PDB file of all heavy atoms in Angstrom:
ATOM      1  N   VAL A   1       0.869  -1.192  -0.002  1.00  0.00           N
ATOM      2  CA  VAL A   1      -0.001  -0.005   0.004  1.00  0.00           C
ATOM      3  C   VAL A   1       0.886   1.249   0.018  1.00  0.00           C
ATOM      4  O   VAL A   1       1.653   1.458   0.930  1.00  0.00           O
ATOM      5  CB  VAL A   1      -0.935   0.029   1.241  1.00  0.00           C
ATOM      6  CG1 VAL A   1      -1.737   1.317   1.240  1.00  0.00           C
ATOM      7  CG2 VAL A   1      -1.866  -1.183   1.223  1.00  0.00           C
ATOM      8  N   LEU A   2       0.808   2.023  -1.048  1.00  0.00           N
ATOM      9  CA  LEU A   2       1.610   3.205  -1.198  1.00  0.00           C
ATOM     10  C   LEU A   2       0.781   4.446  -0.989  1.00  0.00           C
ATOM     11  O   LEU A   2      -0.273   4.639  -1.632  1.00  0.00           O
ATOM     12  CB  LEU A   2       2.281   3.256  -2.575  1.00  0.00           C
ATOM     13  CG  LEU A   2       3.264   2.121  -2.869  1.00  0.00           C
ATOM     14  CD1 LEU A   2       3.780   2.208  -4.298  1.00  0.00           C
ATOM     15  CD2 LEU A   2       4.401   2.077  -1.883  1.00  0.00           C
ATOM     16  N   LEU A   3       1.200   5.296  -0.093  1.00  0.00           N
ATOM     17  CA  LEU A   3       0.528   6.572   0.194  1.00  0.00           C
ATOM     18  C   LEU A   3       1.270   7.656  -0.554  1.00  0.00           C
ATOM     19  O   LEU A   3       2.433   7.916  -0.287  1.00  0.00           O
ATOM     20  CB  LEU A   3       0.529   6.835   1.697  1.00  0.00           C
ATOM     21  CG  LEU A   3      -0.007   5.684   2.560  1.00  0.00           C
ATOM     22  CD1 LEU A   3       0.075   5.991   4.048  1.00  0.00           C
ATOM     23  CD2 LEU A   3      -1.458   5.340   2.173  1.00  0.00           C
ATOM     24  N   ASN A   4       0.585   8.264  -1.506  1.00  0.00           N
ATOM     25  CA  ASN A   4       1.224   9.115  -2.501  1.00  0.00           C
ATOM     26  C   ASN A   4       0.859  10.562  -2.371  1.00  0.00           C
ATOM     27  O   ASN A   4      -0.332  10.896  -2.193  1.00  0.00           O
ATOM     28  CB  ASN A   4       0.838   8.623  -3.918  1.00  0.00           C
ATOM     29  CG  ASN A   4       1.763   9.122  -5.003  1.00  0.00           C
ATOM     30  OD1 ASN A   4       2.995   9.097  -4.834  1.00  0.00           O
ATOM     31  ND2 ASN A   4       1.171   9.619  -6.072  1.00  0.00           N
ATOM     32  N   LEU A   5       1.833  11.449  -2.481  1.00  0.00           N
ATOM     33  CA  LEU A   5       1.571  12.906  -2.434  1.00  0.00           C
ATOM     34  C   LEU A   5       1.135  13.380  -3.828  1.00  0.00           C
ATOM     35  O   LEU A   5       1.883  13.326  -4.774  1.00  0.00           O
ATOM     36  CB  LEU A   5       2.822  13.669  -2.002  1.00  0.00           C
ATOM     37  CG  LEU A   5       2.665  15.162  -1.803  1.00  0.00           C
ATOM     38  CD1 LEU A   5       1.637  15.470  -0.678  1.00  0.00           C
ATOM     39  CD2 LEU A   5       4.019  15.817  -1.449  1.00  0.00           C
ATOM     40  N   SER A   6      -0.072  13.913  -3.867  1.00  0.00           N
ATOM     41  CA  SER A   6      -0.647  14.392  -5.129  1.00  0.00           C
ATOM     42  C   SER A   6      -0.296  15.831  -5.378  1.00  0.00           C
ATOM     43  O   SER A   6      -0.183  16.632  -4.432  1.00  0.00           O
ATOM     44  CB  SER A   6      -2.185  14.234  -5.083  1.00  0.00           C
ATOM     45  OG  SER A   6      -2.815  14.981  -6.104  1.00  0.00           O
ATOM     46  N   PRO A   7      -0.137  16.241  -6.655  1.00  0.00           N
ATOM     47  CA  PRO A   7       0.208  17.633  -6.958  1.00  0.00           C
ATOM     48  C   PRO A   7      -1.003  18.571  -6.965  1.00  0.00           C
ATOM     49  O   PRO A   7      -0.824  19.786  -7.028  1.00  0.00           O
ATOM     50  CB  PRO A   7       0.847  17.545  -8.348  1.00  0.00           C
ATOM     51  CG  PRO A   7       0.145  16.390  -8.982  1.00  0.00           C
ATOM     52  CD  PRO A   7      -0.089  15.410  -7.860  1.00  0.00           C
ATOM     53  N   TYR A   8      -2.213  18.048  -6.914  1.00  0.00           N
ATOM     54  CA  TYR A   8      -3.399  18.887  -7.056  1.00  0.00           C
ATOM     55  C   TYR A   8      -3.526  19.875  -5.910  1.00  0.00           C
ATOM     56  O   TYR A   8      -3.368  19.525  -4.727  1.00  0.00           O
ATOM     57  CB  TYR A   8      -4.656  18.035  -7.122  1.00  0.00           C
ATOM     58  CG  TYR A   8      -4.685  17.152  -8.376  1.00  0.00           C
ATOM     59  CD1 TYR A   8      -4.565  15.785  -8.295  1.00  0.00           C
ATOM     60  CD2 TYR A   8      -4.833  17.722  -9.652  1.00  0.00           C
ATOM     61  CE1 TYR A   8      -4.559  14.959  -9.393  1.00  0.00           C
ATOM     62  CE2 TYR A   8      -4.834  16.922 -10.774  1.00  0.00           C
ATOM     63  CZ  TYR A   8      -4.701  15.557 -10.644  1.00  0.00           C
ATOM     64  OH  TYR A   8      -4.705  14.772 -11.760  1.00  0.00           O
ATOM     65  N   GLY A   9      -3.786  21.138  -6.281  1.00  0.00           N
ATOM     66  CA  GLY A   9      -3.980  22.173  -5.280  1.00  0.00           C
ATOM     67  C   GLY A   9      -2.728  22.699  -4.689  1.00  0.00           C
ATOM     68  O   GLY A   9      -2.736  23.484  -3.725  1.00  0.00           O
ATOM     69  N   ARG A  10      -1.584  22.296  -5.252  1.00  0.00           N
ATOM     70  CA  ARG A  10      -0.293  22.712  -4.754  1.00  0.00           C
ATOM     71  C   ARG A  10       0.393  23.587  -5.813  1.00  0.00           C
ATOM     72  O   ARG A  10       0.190  23.424  -7.015  1.00  0.00           O
ATOM     73  CB  ARG A  10       0.601  21.531  -4.416  1.00  0.00           C
ATOM     74  CG  ARG A  10      -0.030  20.593  -3.394  1.00  0.00           C
ATOM     75  CD  ARG A  10       0.754  19.295  -3.282  1.00  0.00           C
ATOM     76  NE  ARG A  10       2.119  19.518  -2.847  1.00  0.00           N
ATOM     77  CZ  ARG A  10       2.492  19.607  -1.588  1.00  0.00           C
ATOM     78  NH1 ARG A  10       1.588  19.517  -0.657  1.00  0.00           N
ATOM     79  NH2 ARG A  10       3.748  19.800  -1.278  1.00  0.00           N
ATOM     80  N   ALA A  11       1.227  24.538  -5.406  1.00  0.00           N
ATOM     81  CA  ALA A  11       1.940  25.400  -6.351  1.00  0.00           C
ATOM     82  C   ALA A  11       3.031  24.618  -7.031  1.00  0.00           C
ATOM     83  O   ALA A  11       3.844  23.975  -6.409  1.00  0.00           O
ATOM     84  CB  ALA A  11       2.563  26.593  -5.598  1.00  0.00           C
ATOM     85  N   GLN A  12       3.005  24.671  -8.362  1.00  0.00           N
ATOM     86  CA  GLN A  12       4.037  23.926  -9.105  1.00  0.00           C
ATOM     87  C   GLN A  12       5.279  24.798  -9.312  1.00  0.00           C
ATOM     88  O   GLN A  12       5.549  25.272 -10.407  1.00  0.00           O
ATOM     89  CB  GLN A  12       3.438  23.474 -10.465  1.00  0.00           C
ATOM     90  CG  GLN A  12       2.299  22.509 -10.294  1.00  0.00           C
ATOM     91  CD  GLN A  12       2.697  21.302  -9.451  1.00  0.00           C
ATOM     92  OE1 GLN A  12       3.573  20.552  -9.784  1.00  0.00           O
ATOM     93  NE2 GLN A  12       2.032  21.122  -8.305  1.00  0.00           N
ATOM     94  N   VAL A  13       5.968  25.034  -8.244  1.00  0.00           N
ATOM     95  CA  VAL A  13       7.177  25.876  -8.281  1.00  0.00           C
ATOM     96  C   VAL A  13       8.443  25.049  -8.522  1.00  0.00           C
ATOM     97  O   VAL A  13       9.507  25.566  -8.716  1.00  0.00           O
ATOM     98  CB  VAL A  13       7.327  26.715  -6.996  1.00  0.00           C
ATOM     99  CG1 VAL A  13       6.137  27.636  -6.814  1.00  0.00           C
ATOM    100  CG2 VAL A  13       7.463  25.776  -5.765  1.00  0.00           C
ATOM    101  N   ALA A  14       8.275  23.726  -8.453  1.00  0.00           N
ATOM    102  CA  ALA A  14       9.395  22.839  -8.709  1.00  0.00           C
ATOM    103  C   ALA A  14       8.798  21.511  -9.162  1.00  0.00           C
ATOM    104  O   ALA A  14       7.613  21.246  -9.026  1.00  0.00           O
ATOM    105  CB  ALA A  14      10.231  22.647  -7.448  1.00  0.00           C
ATOM    106  N   GLU A  15       9.662  20.674  -9.765  1.00  0.00           N
ATOM    107  CA  GLU A  15       9.172  19.385 -10.204  1.00  0.00           C
ATOM    108  C   GLU A  15       8.585  18.592  -9.032  1.00  0.00           C
ATOM    109  O   GLU A  15       9.153  18.534  -7.959  1.00  0.00           O
ATOM    110  CB  GLU A  15      10.327  18.573 -10.848  1.00  0.00           C
ATOM    111  CG  GLU A  15       9.922  17.188 -11.336  1.00  0.00           C
ATOM    112  CD  GLU A  15      11.115  16.355 -11.805  1.00  0.00           C
ATOM    113  OE1 GLU A  15      12.241  16.942 -11.800  1.00  0.00           O
ATOM    114  OE2 GLU A  15      10.928  15.191 -12.101  1.00  0.00           O
ATOM    115  N   HIS A  16       7.425  18.008  -9.301  1.00  0.00           N
ATOM    116  CA  HIS A  16       6.747  17.240  -8.237  1.00  0.00           C
ATOM    117  C   HIS A  16       7.352  15.863  -8.096  1.00  0.00           C
ATOM    118  O   HIS A  16       7.624  15.192  -9.088  1.00  0.00           O
ATOM    119  CB  HIS A  16       5.251  17.139  -8.563  1.00  0.00           C
ATOM    120  CG  HIS A  16       4.503  16.390  -7.512  1.00  0.00           C
ATOM    121  ND1 HIS A  16       4.245  16.927  -6.248  1.00  0.00           N
ATOM    122  CD2 HIS A  16       3.932  15.162  -7.520  1.00  0.00           C
ATOM    123  CE1 HIS A  16       3.556  16.054  -5.557  1.00  0.00           C
ATOM    124  NE2 HIS A  16       3.349  14.979  -6.285  1.00  0.00           N
ATOM    125  N   VAL A  17       7.616  15.433  -6.864  1.00  0.00           N
ATOM    126  CA  VAL A  17       8.168  14.109  -6.618  1.00  0.00           C
ATOM    127  C   VAL A  17       7.076  13.238  -5.982  1.00  0.00           C
ATOM    128  O   VAL A  17       6.584  13.547  -4.891  1.00  0.00           O
ATOM    129  CB  VAL A  17       9.410  14.197  -5.705  1.00  0.00           C
ATOM    130  CG1 VAL A  17       9.939  12.814  -5.397  1.00  0.00           C
ATOM    131  CG2 VAL A  17      10.476  15.079  -6.336  1.00  0.00           C
ATOM    132  N   ASP A  18       6.740  12.153  -6.658  1.00  0.00           N
ATOM    133  CA  ASP A  18       5.817  11.185  -6.091  1.00  0.00           C
ATOM    134  C   ASP A  18       6.461   9.813  -6.201  1.00  0.00           C
ATOM    135  O   ASP A  18       7.621   9.672  -6.563  1.00  0.00           O
ATOM    136  CB  ASP A  18       4.440  11.238  -6.788  1.00  0.00           C
ATOM    137  CG  ASP A  18       4.587  11.032  -8.317  1.00  0.00           C
ATOM    138  OD1 ASP A  18       5.638  10.575  -8.748  1.00  0.00           O
ATOM    139  OD2 ASP A  18       3.612  11.320  -9.004  1.00  0.00           O
ATOM    140  N   TRP A  19       5.679   8.758  -5.898  1.00  0.00           N
ATOM    141  CA  TRP A  19       6.255   7.398  -5.938  1.00  0.00           C
ATOM    142  C   TRP A  19       6.757   7.055  -7.343  1.00  0.00           C
ATOM    143  O   TRP A  19       7.747   6.387  -7.485  1.00  0.00           O
ATOM    144  CB  TRP A  19       5.210   6.404  -5.489  1.00  0.00           C
ATOM    145  CG  TRP A  19       5.137   6.215  -4.006  1.00  0.00           C
ATOM    146  CD1 TRP A  19       4.113   6.538  -3.165  1.00  0.00           C
ATOM    147  CD2 TRP A  19       6.119   5.625  -3.158  1.00  0.00           C
ATOM    148  NE1 TRP A  19       4.404   6.207  -1.880  1.00  0.00           N
ATOM    149  CE2 TRP A  19       5.633   5.625  -1.836  1.00  0.00           C
ATOM    150  CE3 TRP A  19       7.392   5.083  -3.396  1.00  0.00           C
ATOM    151  CZ2 TRP A  19       6.360   5.120  -0.765  1.00  0.00           C
ATOM    152  CZ3 TRP A  19       8.136   4.575  -2.323  1.00  0.00           C
ATOM    153  CH2 TRP A  19       7.614   4.599  -1.039  1.00  0.00           C
ATOM    154  N   ASN A  20       6.002   7.472  -8.353  1.00  0.00           N
ATOM    155  CA  ASN A  20       6.406   7.151  -9.745  1.00  0.00           C
ATOM    156  C   ASN A  20       7.783   7.738 -10.023  1.00  0.00           C
ATOM    157  O   ASN A  20       8.651   7.064 -10.617  1.00  0.00           O
ATOM    158  CB  ASN A  20       5.352   7.714 -10.687  1.00  0.00           C
ATOM    159  CG  ASN A  20       5.320   6.910 -12.000  1.00  0.00           C
ATOM    160  OD1 ASN A  20       5.786   5.773 -12.053  1.00  0.00           O
ATOM    161  ND2 ASN A  20       4.797   7.506 -13.025  1.00  0.00           N
ATOM    162  N   VAL A  21       7.984   9.010  -9.664  1.00  0.00           N
ATOM    163  CA  VAL A  21       9.252   9.661  -9.898  1.00  0.00           C
ATOM    164  C   VAL A  21      10.343   8.985  -9.069  1.00  0.00           C
ATOM    165  O   VAL A  21      11.480   8.728  -9.579  1.00  0.00           O
ATOM    166  CB  VAL A  21       9.141  11.168  -9.562  1.00  0.00           C
ATOM    167  CG1 VAL A  21      10.566  11.825  -9.612  1.00  0.00           C
ATOM    168  CG2 VAL A  21       8.195  11.879 -10.491  1.00  0.00           C
ATOM    169  N   TRP A  22      10.081   8.719  -7.809  1.00  0.00           N
ATOM    170  CA  TRP A  22      11.104   8.137  -6.937  1.00  0.00           C
ATOM    171  C   TRP A  22      11.537   6.786  -7.411  1.00  0.00           C
ATOM    172  O   TRP A  22      12.752   6.482  -7.510  1.00  0.00           O
ATOM    173  CB  TRP A  22      10.550   8.028  -5.486  1.00  0.00           C
ATOM    174  CG  TRP A  22      11.592   7.776  -4.447  1.00  0.00           C
ATOM    175  CD1 TRP A  22      12.392   8.666  -3.801  1.00  0.00           C
ATOM    176  CD2 TRP A  22      12.003   6.463  -3.980  1.00  0.00           C
ATOM    177  NE1 TRP A  22      13.245   8.016  -2.931  1.00  0.00           N
ATOM    178  CE2 TRP A  22      13.024   6.658  -3.028  1.00  0.00           C
ATOM    179  CE3 TRP A  22      11.598   5.162  -4.285  1.00  0.00           C
ATOM    180  CZ2 TRP A  22      13.664   5.619  -2.359  1.00  0.00           C
ATOM    181  CZ3 TRP A  22      12.216   4.089  -3.608  1.00  0.00           C
ATOM    182  CH2 TRP A  22      13.236   4.314  -2.693  1.00  0.00           C
ATOM    183  N   PHE A  23      10.593   5.901  -7.771  1.00  0.00           N
ATOM    184  CA  PHE A  23      10.931   4.574  -8.230  1.00  0.00           C
ATOM    185  C   PHE A  23      11.729   4.601  -9.574  1.00  0.00           C
ATOM    186  O   PHE A  23      12.566   3.746  -9.838  1.00  0.00           O
ATOM    187  CB  PHE A  23       9.683   3.742  -8.448  1.00  0.00           C
ATOM    188  CG  PHE A  23       9.215   2.973  -7.201  1.00  0.00           C
ATOM    189  CD1 PHE A  23       7.939   3.155  -6.713  1.00  0.00           C
ATOM    190  CD2 PHE A  23      10.074   2.110  -6.578  1.00  0.00           C
ATOM    191  CE1 PHE A  23       7.544   2.463  -5.584  1.00  0.00           C
ATOM    192  CE2 PHE A  23       9.672   1.396  -5.437  1.00  0.00           C
ATOM    193  CZ  PHE A  23       8.427   1.561  -4.957  1.00  0.00           C
ATOM    194  N   SER A  24      11.483   5.631 -10.372  1.00  0.00           N
ATOM    195  CA  SER A  24      12.154   5.718 -11.674  1.00  0.00           C
ATOM    196  C   SER A  24      13.662   5.839 -11.520  1.00  0.00           C
ATOM    197  O   SER A  24      14.422   5.445 -12.438  1.00  0.00           O
ATOM    198  CB  SER A  24      11.643   6.917 -12.478  1.00  0.00           C
ATOM    199  OG  SER A  24      12.027   8.144 -11.893  1.00  0.00           O
ATOM    200  N   PHE A  25      14.157   6.347 -10.395  1.00  0.00           N
ATOM    201  CA  PHE A  25      15.597   6.437 -10.169  1.00  0.00           C
ATOM    202  C   PHE A  25      16.249   5.082  -9.962  1.00  0.00           C
ATOM    203  O   PHE A  25      17.476   4.965 -10.050  1.00  0.00           O
ATOM    204  CB  PHE A  25      15.888   7.342  -8.975  1.00  0.00           C
ATOM    205  CG  PHE A  25      15.753   8.830  -9.297  1.00  0.00           C
ATOM    206  CD1 PHE A  25      14.558   9.480  -9.039  1.00  0.00           C
ATOM    207  CD2 PHE A  25      16.798   9.550  -9.834  1.00  0.00           C
ATOM    208  CE1 PHE A  25      14.430  10.828  -9.315  1.00  0.00           C
ATOM    209  CE2 PHE A  25      16.669  10.861 -10.121  1.00  0.00           C
ATOM    210  CZ  PHE A  25      15.453  11.538  -9.884  1.00  0.00           C
ATOM    211  N   PHE A  26      15.388   4.078  -9.714  1.00  0.00           N
ATOM    212  CA  PHE A  26      15.932   2.726  -9.506  1.00  0.00           C
ATOM    213  C   PHE A  26      15.460   1.771 -10.620  1.00  0.00           C
ATOM    214  O   PHE A  26      15.423   0.576 -10.432  1.00  0.00           O
ATOM    215  CB  PHE A  26      15.516   2.231  -8.135  1.00  0.00           C
ATOM    216  CG  PHE A  26      15.926   3.166  -7.017  1.00  0.00           C
ATOM    217  CD1 PHE A  26      15.024   4.081  -6.503  1.00  0.00           C
ATOM    218  CD2 PHE A  26      17.237   3.150  -6.528  1.00  0.00           C
ATOM    219  CE1 PHE A  26      15.404   4.979  -5.520  1.00  0.00           C
ATOM    220  CE2 PHE A  26      17.610   4.027  -5.525  1.00  0.00           C
ATOM    221  CZ  PHE A  26      16.716   4.958  -4.988  1.00  0.00           C
ATOM    222  N   ASN A  27      14.987   2.395 -11.712  1.00  0.00           N
ATOM    223  CA  ASN A  27      14.518   1.646 -12.894  1.00  0.00           C
ATOM    224  C   ASN A  27      13.425   0.653 -12.585  1.00  0.00           C
ATOM    225  O   ASN A  27      13.363  -0.459 -13.091  1.00  0.00           O
ATOM    226  CB  ASN A  27      15.702   0.901 -13.528  1.00  0.00           C
ATOM    227  CG  ASN A  27      16.800   1.816 -14.024  1.00  0.00           C
ATOM    228  OD1 ASN A  27      16.494   2.850 -14.625  1.00  0.00           O
ATOM    229  ND2 ASN A  27      18.035   1.519 -13.724  1.00  0.00           N
ATOM    230  N   ILE A  28      12.517   1.106 -11.698  1.00  0.00           N
ATOM    231  CA  ILE A  28      11.351   0.306 -11.333  1.00  0.00           C
ATOM    232  C   ILE A  28      10.092   1.042 -11.822  1.00  0.00           C
ATOM    233  O   ILE A  28       9.918   2.211 -11.511  1.00  0.00           O
ATOM    234  CB  ILE A  28      11.288   0.062  -9.824  1.00  0.00           C
ATOM    235  CG1 ILE A  28      12.435  -0.855  -9.396  1.00  0.00           C
ATOM    236  CG2 ILE A  28       9.955  -0.543  -9.425  1.00  0.00           C
ATOM    237  CD1 ILE A  28      12.467  -1.157  -7.927  1.00  0.00           C
ATOM    238  N   ASN A  29       9.278   0.312 -12.605  1.00  0.00           N
ATOM    239  CA  ASN A  29       8.089   0.899 -13.191  1.00  0.00           C
ATOM    240  C   ASN A  29       6.904   0.644 -12.258  1.00  0.00           C
ATOM    241  O   ASN A  29       6.500  -0.518 -12.033  1.00  0.00           O
ATOM    242  CB  ASN A  29       7.825   0.288 -14.558  1.00  0.00           C
ATOM    243  CG  ASN A  29       6.718   1.039 -15.339  1.00  0.00           C
ATOM    244  OD1 ASN A  29       5.927   1.766 -14.736  1.00  0.00           O
ATOM    245  ND2 ASN A  29       6.707   0.873 -16.635  1.00  0.00           N
ATOM    246  N   LEU A  30       6.323   1.693 -11.726  1.00  0.00           N
ATOM    247  CA  LEU A  30       5.231   1.565 -10.789  1.00  0.00           C
ATOM    248  C   LEU A  30       3.962   0.982 -11.473  1.00  0.00           C
ATOM    249  O   LEU A  30       3.146   0.347 -10.823  1.00  0.00           O
ATOM    250  CB  LEU A  30       4.894   2.922 -10.163  1.00  0.00           C
ATOM    251  CG  LEU A  30       3.943   2.924  -8.964  1.00  0.00           C
ATOM    252  CD1 LEU A  30       4.484   2.071  -7.824  1.00  0.00           C
ATOM    253  CD2 LEU A  30       3.704   4.357  -8.496  1.00  0.00           C
ATOM    254  N   GLU A  31       3.853   1.206 -12.781  1.00  0.00           N
ATOM    255  CA  GLU A  31       2.677   0.727 -13.475  1.00  0.00           C
ATOM    256  C   GLU A  31       2.654  -0.807 -13.620  1.00  0.00           C
ATOM    257  O   GLU A  31       1.618  -1.360 -13.991  1.00  0.00           O
ATOM    258  CB  GLU A  31       2.618   1.369 -14.890  1.00  0.00           C
ATOM    259  CG  GLU A  31       2.421   2.870 -14.839  1.00  0.00           C
ATOM    260  CD  GLU A  31       2.377   3.491 -16.250  1.00  0.00           C
ATOM    261  OE1 GLU A  31       2.505   2.740 -17.210  1.00  0.00           O
ATOM    262  OE2 GLU A  31       2.186   4.713 -16.311  1.00  0.00           O
ATOM    263  N   LYS A  32       3.775  -1.452 -13.300  1.00  0.00           N
ATOM    264  CA  LYS A  32       3.811  -2.921 -13.391  1.00  0.00           C
ATOM    265  C   LYS A  32       3.469  -3.583 -12.067  1.00  0.00           C
ATOM    266  O   LYS A  32       3.762  -4.779 -11.863  1.00  0.00           O
ATOM    267  CB  LYS A  32       5.207  -3.344 -13.869  1.00  0.00           C
ATOM    268  CG  LYS A  32       5.532  -2.945 -15.286  1.00  0.00           C
ATOM    269  CD  LYS A  32       6.895  -3.492 -15.730  1.00  0.00           C
ATOM    270  CE  LYS A  32       7.166  -3.116 -17.201  1.00  0.00           C
ATOM    271  NZ  LYS A  32       8.474  -3.652 -17.633  1.00  0.00           N
ATOM    272  N   ARG A  33       2.837  -2.848 -11.206  1.00  0.00           N
ATOM    273  CA  ARG A  33       2.357  -3.405  -9.934  1.00  0.00           C
ATOM    274  C   ARG A  33       1.391  -4.565 -10.207  1.00  0.00           C
ATOM    275  O   ARG A  33       0.569  -4.495 -11.115  1.00  0.00           O
ATOM    276  CB  ARG A  33       1.638  -2.374  -9.090  1.00  0.00           C
ATOM    277  CG  ARG A  33       2.582  -1.527  -8.230  1.00  0.00           C
ATOM    278  CD  ARG A  33       1.914  -0.268  -7.739  1.00  0.00           C
ATOM    279  NE  ARG A  33       0.679  -0.472  -7.019  1.00  0.00           N
ATOM    280  CZ  ARG A  33       0.573  -0.495  -5.670  1.00  0.00           C
ATOM    281  NH1 ARG A  33       1.656  -0.356  -4.933  1.00  0.00           N
ATOM    282  NH2 ARG A  33      -0.591  -0.643  -5.120  1.00  0.00           N
ATOM    283  N   SER A  34       1.501  -5.630  -9.404  1.00  0.00           N
ATOM    284  CA  SER A  34       0.596  -6.739  -9.569  1.00  0.00           C
ATOM    285  C   SER A  34      -0.797  -6.352  -9.166  1.00  0.00           C
ATOM    286  O   SER A  34      -1.004  -5.642  -8.166  1.00  0.00           O
ATOM    287  CB  SER A  34       1.061  -7.935  -8.722  1.00  0.00           C
ATOM    288  OG  SER A  34       2.378  -8.315  -9.080  1.00  0.00           O
ATOM    289  N   PRO A  35      -1.843  -6.795  -9.901  1.00  0.00           N
ATOM    290  CA  PRO A  35      -3.224  -6.526  -9.483  1.00  0.00           C
ATOM    291  C   PRO A  35      -3.487  -7.229  -8.155  1.00  0.00           C
ATOM    292  O   PRO A  35      -3.072  -8.340  -7.901  1.00  0.00           O
ATOM    293  CB  PRO A  35      -4.051  -7.094 -10.634  1.00  0.00           C
ATOM    294  CG  PRO A  35      -3.215  -8.144 -11.260  1.00  0.00           C
ATOM    295  CD  PRO A  35      -1.794  -7.626 -11.114  1.00  0.00           C
ATOM    296  N   GLY A  36      -4.225  -6.553  -7.297  1.00  0.00           N
ATOM    297  CA  GLY A  36      -4.544  -7.126  -5.990  1.00  0.00           C
ATOM    298  C   GLY A  36      -5.164  -6.096  -5.083  1.00  0.00           C
ATOM    299  O   GLY A  36      -5.696  -5.083  -5.566  1.00  0.00           O
ATOM    300  N   ASP A  37      -5.106  -6.336  -3.786  1.00  0.00           N
ATOM    301  CA  ASP A  37      -5.772  -5.448  -2.859  1.00  0.00           C
ATOM    302  C   ASP A  37      -4.840  -4.349  -2.286  1.00  0.00           C
ATOM    303  O   ASP A  37      -5.231  -3.617  -1.382  1.00  0.00           O
ATOM    304  CB  ASP A  37      -6.385  -6.257  -1.691  1.00  0.00           C
ATOM    305  CG  ASP A  37      -5.321  -7.014  -0.913  1.00  0.00           C
ATOM    306  OD1 ASP A  37      -4.148  -7.053  -1.365  1.00  0.00           O
ATOM    307  OD2 ASP A  37      -5.660  -7.619   0.122  1.00  0.00           O
ATOM    308  N   LYS A  38      -3.634  -4.296  -2.791  1.00  0.00           N
ATOM    309  CA  LYS A  38      -2.691  -3.283  -2.293  1.00  0.00           C
ATOM    310  C   LYS A  38      -2.874  -2.006  -3.140  1.00  0.00           C
ATOM    311  O   LYS A  38      -2.357  -1.902  -4.245  1.00  0.00           O
ATOM    312  CB  LYS A  38      -1.256  -3.787  -2.393  1.00  0.00           C
ATOM    313  CG  LYS A  38      -1.003  -5.048  -1.574  1.00  0.00           C
ATOM    314  CD  LYS A  38      -1.274  -4.884  -0.112  1.00  0.00           C
ATOM    315  CE  LYS A  38      -0.902  -6.137   0.660  1.00  0.00           C
ATOM    316  NZ  LYS A  38      -1.179  -6.033   2.112  1.00  0.00           N
TER     317      LYS A  38
END
């Protein structure tokens, strides 16, 4: 279960960092998560 910081309603004064961005630094694609209850 990943709790993710959303950019909505926030000032875009810098690149937004969320789980997708963070995982990309380790060459892990968040979209390939297994289907399930997580």
